[in-house]
Amino acid sequence: MDSKRQQKFSRQIQKDLSEIFQKDMRNAFGNAFITITDVKVTPDLSIARIYLSFMLANDKQGLMQEIREKTKQIRGVLGQRIRHQARIIPDLEFFLDDTAEYAAKMDRLISSLDIPPLKEGEEIED
């Protein structure tokens, strides 16, 4: 369970990184629409694990690699934004959040199931 301080700091980083990806570095990653789905911060606030979701991106792994290569630049821009709110600018670790894809896959699997209806008077067995 994260402390209130960690939760607050995570929300701040998520908000600022969203603005960085949508405004400041929009052209750095092509047409890709990058969404920050979650941010987890260590108790000492020194490391932030950022989970990203991509839309309009053909090569998600390639884009992820490009973001990881530009981590230092992204951290610098983040540092400029939060320098008055945070004593330490956390190291950034980026991860691909594939929960939306997983949910869509599960939805397709469930939709494709052929479950016959119960006949009258029939009960479900445990």
Protein backbone atom coordinates (compact mmCIF):
# COMPACT_ATOMS: atom_id res chain seq x y z
CA MET A 1 0.00 0.00 0.00
CA ASP A 2 1.41 3.33 -1.04
CA SER A 3 1.54 6.18 1.44
CA LYS A 4 -0.42 9.37 0.81
CA ARG A 5 2.85 11.08 -0.05
CA GLN A 6 3.66 8.46 -2.71
CA GLN A 7 0.16 8.65 -4.15
CA LYS A 8 0.28 12.44 -4.34
CA PHE A 9 3.72 12.41 -5.95
CA SER A 10 2.62 9.72 -8.42
CA ARG A 11 -0.39 11.78 -9.49
CA GLN A 12 1.81 14.85 -9.96
CA ILE A 13 4.31 12.94 -12.10
CA GLN A 14 1.49 11.37 -14.12
CA LYS A 15 -0.07 14.77 -14.79
CA ASP A 16 3.22 16.40 -15.76
CA LEU A 17 4.44 13.51 -17.91
CA SER A 18 1.10 13.46 -19.73
CA GLU A 19 1.56 17.12 -20.60
CA ILE A 20 5.17 16.50 -21.64
CA PHE A 21 4.19 13.67 -24.00
CA GLN A 22 1.16 15.53 -25.39
CA LYS A 23 2.63 19.03 -25.73
CA ASP A 24 6.37 19.40 -25.22
CA MET A 25 7.59 16.25 -26.98
CA ARG A 26 4.64 15.62 -29.31
CA ASN A 27 6.81 15.56 -32.45
CA ALA A 28 9.55 13.45 -30.88
CA PHE A 29 7.53 10.24 -31.19
CA GLY A 30 5.69 10.70 -34.49
CA ASN A 31 1.90 10.43 -34.57
CA ALA A 32 1.72 8.12 -31.57
CA PHE A 33 -0.73 9.11 -28.87
CA ILE A 34 0.97 8.20 -25.59
CA THR A 35 -1.08 7.79 -22.44
CA ILE A 36 0.33 7.43 -18.94
CA THR A 37 -1.90 4.74 -17.42
CA ASP A 38 -0.18 4.44 -14.05
CA VAL A 39 2.80 5.71 -12.07
CA LYS A 40 4.26 3.83 -9.11
CA VAL A 41 6.84 5.56 -6.94
CA THR A 42 9.22 3.88 -4.49
CA PRO A 43 8.84 4.85 -0.81
CA ASP A 44 11.92 7.10 -0.96
CA LEU A 45 10.54 8.78 -4.13
CA SER A 46 13.78 8.11 -6.01
CA ILE A 47 12.36 5.83 -8.73
CA ALA A 48 9.15 6.24 -10.70
CA ARG A 49 7.83 3.32 -12.71
CA ILE A 50 5.69 4.68 -15.53
CA TYR A 51 3.22 2.49 -17.41
CA LEU A 52 2.43 3.65 -20.94
CA SER A 53 -0.31 2.84 -23.40
CA PHE A 54 -0.03 3.70 -27.12
CA MET A 55 -2.59 4.56 -29.75
CA LEU A 56 -1.83 5.15 -33.44
CA ALA A 57 1.49 3.34 -33.06
CA ASN A 58 2.42 0.55 -35.46
CA ASP A 59 5.58 -0.63 -33.69
CA LYS A 60 4.91 -0.43 -29.96
CA GLN A 61 8.17 -2.13 -28.95
CA GLY A 62 10.16 0.20 -31.21
CA LEU A 63 8.40 3.23 -29.73
CA MET A 64 9.03 1.90 -26.23
CA GLN A 65 12.74 1.56 -27.04
CA GLU A 66 12.81 5.11 -28.40
CA ILE A 67 11.21 6.43 -25.18
CA ARG A 68 13.74 4.53 -23.08
CA GLU A 69 16.57 6.05 -25.11
CA LYS A 70 15.17 9.54 -24.45
CA THR A 71 14.63 8.93 -20.72
CA LYS A 72 17.34 11.41 -19.75
CA GLN A 73 15.78 14.14 -21.88
CA ILE A 74 12.27 13.39 -20.55
CA ARG A 75 13.59 13.45 -16.97
CA GLY A 76 15.19 16.84 -17.64
CA VAL A 77 11.92 18.33 -18.89
CA LEU A 78 10.08 16.79 -15.91
CA GLY A 79 12.71 18.26 -13.58
CA GLN A 80 12.07 21.74 -14.97
CA ARG A 81 8.35 21.33 -14.31
CA ILE A 82 8.48 19.95 -10.74
CA ARG A 83 11.66 21.59 -9.44
CA HIS A 84 9.71 23.75 -6.98
CA GLN A 85 7.51 20.88 -5.73
CA ALA A 86 10.06 18.09 -5.36
CA ARG A 87 13.45 17.90 -3.76
CA ILE A 88 14.45 14.82 -5.75
CA ILE A 89 13.66 14.25 -9.42
CA PRO A 90 13.06 10.49 -9.62
CA ASP A 91 14.78 8.16 -12.05
CA LEU A 92 12.23 7.13 -14.66
CA GLU A 93 11.56 3.54 -15.70
CA PHE A 94 9.11 3.00 -18.56
CA PHE A 95 6.96 -0.10 -19.04
CA LEU A 96 4.38 -1.04 -21.64
CA ASP A 97 0.88 -1.32 -20.16
CA ASP A 98 -0.95 -3.97 -22.12
CA THR A 99 -4.04 -4.28 -19.94
CA ALA A 100 -6.32 -2.82 -22.65
CA GLU A 101 -5.05 -5.35 -25.19
CA TYR A 102 -5.40 -8.16 -22.65
CA ALA A 103 -8.98 -7.08 -21.85
CA ALA A 104 -9.85 -6.99 -25.56
CA LYS A 105 -8.38 -10.47 -26.03
CA MET A 106 -10.36 -11.84 -23.08
CA ASP A 107 -13.51 -10.18 -24.42
CA ARG A 108 -12.99 -11.83 -27.83
CA LEU A 109 -12.43 -15.22 -26.16
CA ILE A 110 -15.56 -14.92 -24.03
CA SER A 111 -17.62 -13.75 -27.02
CA SER A 112 -16.48 -16.74 -29.07
CA LEU A 113 -17.61 -19.28 -26.44
CA ASP A 114 -20.56 -21.41 -27.47
CA ILE A 115 -22.61 -21.97 -24.31
CA PRO A 116 -25.87 -23.80 -24.94
CA PRO A 117 -28.91 -22.44 -23.12
CA LEU A 118 -30.43 -24.39 -20.23
CA LYS A 119 -33.37 -26.57 -21.10
CA GLU A 120 -36.57 -26.09 -19.14
CA GLY A 121 -36.40 -27.74 -15.75
CA GLU A 122 -32.62 -28.19 -15.98
CA GLU A 123 -30.41 -26.83 -13.21
CA ILE A 124 -26.78 -25.80 -13.17
CA GLU A 125 -24.58 -28.39 -11.49
CA ASP A 126 -21.89 -27.28 -9.05
